[in-house]
Protein backbone atom coordinates (compact mmCIF):
# COMPACT_ATOMS: atom_id res chain seq x y z
CA MET A 1 -14.75 -7.50 -0.28
CA LEU A 2 -12.32 -4.76 -1.24
CA MET A 3 -8.85 -4.70 -2.76
CA VAL A 4 -6.55 -2.15 -1.16
CA LYS A 5 -3.37 -1.13 -2.97
CA ALA A 6 -1.04 1.10 -0.99
CA ILE A 7 2.04 2.63 -2.58
CA VAL A 8 4.49 3.64 0.15
CA ARG A 9 8.08 4.75 0.61
CA PRO A 10 10.48 1.77 0.65
CA GLU A 11 11.84 2.77 4.05
CA LYS A 12 8.30 2.67 5.50
CA ALA A 13 7.24 -0.69 4.02
CA ASP A 14 8.42 -2.86 6.95
CA GLU A 15 6.76 -0.53 9.46
CA VAL A 16 3.49 -0.65 7.50
CA MET A 17 3.66 -4.46 7.21
CA ALA A 18 4.25 -4.75 10.97
CA ALA A 19 1.33 -2.41 11.73
CA LEU A 20 -0.97 -4.46 9.49
CA MET A 21 0.16 -7.69 11.17
CA GLU A 22 -0.44 -6.21 14.62
CA ALA A 23 -3.87 -4.97 13.49
CA GLY A 24 -4.84 -8.52 12.46
CA PHE A 25 -4.24 -8.29 8.70
CA PRO A 26 -1.27 -10.57 7.96
CA ALA A 27 -2.14 -11.38 4.31
CA VAL A 28 -0.31 -8.80 2.18
CA THR A 29 1.49 -9.00 -1.15
CA LYS A 30 4.50 -6.67 -1.45
CA VAL A 31 5.89 -5.62 -4.84
CA SER A 32 8.78 -3.28 -5.58
CA VAL A 33 7.68 -0.64 -8.09
CA PHE A 34 8.97 2.59 -9.63
CA GLY A 35 6.97 5.67 -10.47
CA ARG A 36 6.36 9.33 -9.89
CA GLY A 37 3.58 11.46 -8.53
CA LYS A 38 2.72 15.13 -8.75
CA GLN A 39 6.28 16.08 -7.83
CA ARG A 40 7.38 14.62 -11.23
CA GLY A 41 10.38 12.84 -9.83
CA LEU A 42 13.25 14.29 -7.84
CA LYS A 43 16.09 16.64 -8.73
CA VAL A 44 19.34 16.39 -6.79
CA GLY A 45 21.83 18.98 -8.00
CA GLU A 46 21.93 18.63 -11.77
CA VAL A 47 20.61 15.05 -11.77
CA HIS A 48 16.88 14.45 -12.30
CA TYR A 49 15.42 11.14 -11.14
CA ASP A 50 12.29 10.68 -13.25
CA GLU A 51 11.04 7.61 -11.39
CA LEU A 52 11.44 6.84 -7.70
CA PRO A 53 11.43 3.45 -5.95
CA LYS A 54 8.30 2.61 -3.96
CA GLU A 55 6.69 -0.50 -2.48
CA MET A 56 3.15 -1.52 -3.41
CA LEU A 57 1.23 -3.44 -0.75
CA ILE A 58 -1.84 -5.31 -1.98
CA MET A 59 -4.49 -6.86 0.21
CA VAL A 60 -8.12 -7.99 0.06
CA ILE A 61 -10.24 -7.14 3.09
CA PRO A 62 -13.88 -7.36 4.18
CA ASN A 63 -15.89 -4.20 3.44
CA GLN A 64 -16.52 -3.54 7.14
CA ASP A 65 -12.76 -3.33 7.88
CA LYS A 66 -12.06 -0.58 5.33
CA ASP A 67 -11.89 2.41 7.69
CA PHE A 68 -9.71 0.56 10.22
CA VAL A 69 -7.28 -0.69 7.56
CA LEU A 70 -7.04 2.73 5.88
CA LYS A 71 -6.32 4.39 9.22
CA THR A 72 -3.64 1.78 9.98
CA LEU A 73 -2.04 2.30 6.56
CA MET A 74 -2.07 6.09 6.75
CA GLU A 75 -0.70 6.29 10.28
CA SER A 76 2.11 3.81 9.66
CA ALA A 77 3.12 5.07 6.18
CA ARG A 78 3.05 8.81 6.96
CA THR A 79 6.38 10.60 7.38
CA GLY A 80 6.37 12.68 10.56
CA GLU A 81 3.18 14.00 12.14
CA LYS A 82 1.84 15.88 9.13
CA GLY A 83 3.24 13.75 6.33
CA ALA A 84 5.24 14.83 3.28
CA TYR A 85 5.09 14.73 -0.50
CA GLY A 86 5.97 11.26 -1.71
CA ASP A 87 4.46 9.40 1.25
CA GLY A 88 2.29 7.51 -1.22
CA LYS A 89 -1.27 6.74 -2.24
CA ILE A 90 -3.96 4.25 -1.31
CA PHE A 91 -6.38 2.86 -3.88
CA VAL A 92 -9.55 0.98 -2.91
CA SER A 93 -11.63 -1.02 -5.38
CA PRO A 94 -14.36 -3.67 -5.16
CA VAL A 95 -13.52 -7.36 -5.58
CA GLU A 96 -16.18 -9.37 -7.40
CA GLU A 97 -14.84 -12.89 -6.90
CA VAL A 98 -11.98 -14.72 -5.17
CA TYR A 99 -10.84 -18.27 -5.87
CA THR A 100 -8.29 -20.46 -4.10
CA ILE A 101 -6.10 -21.95 -6.82
CA SER A 102 -5.14 -25.17 -5.00
CA SER A 103 -8.72 -26.21 -4.27
CA GLY A 104 -10.59 -24.34 -6.99
CA VAL A 105 -13.04 -23.17 -4.31
CA LYS A 106 -14.74 -19.82 -4.72
CA GLU A 107 -14.57 -17.84 -1.48
CA ALA A 108 -17.64 -16.11 -0.12
């Protein structure tokens, strides 16, 4: 199993969530976050915004679904055809164990 964390523009979060639902991946945790990437924030006139609002979507998926989920995320989160700075990042990491709290059962 893999944990996928996608950091996307707030205005794209609903579109990404809908695309994941349509693709058969309804289980997603959404968290509002703030941060900056390589662009080091945003300057508008004389005002510099050091951290920008983003949404972090977190999900655990089977290994074999990785390429499909990543394609779904990238296509739905990208701004325009070619994308733009600030569209976000996707992080993928292995998940060693998963437990259901209510039952205490370890999932396979």
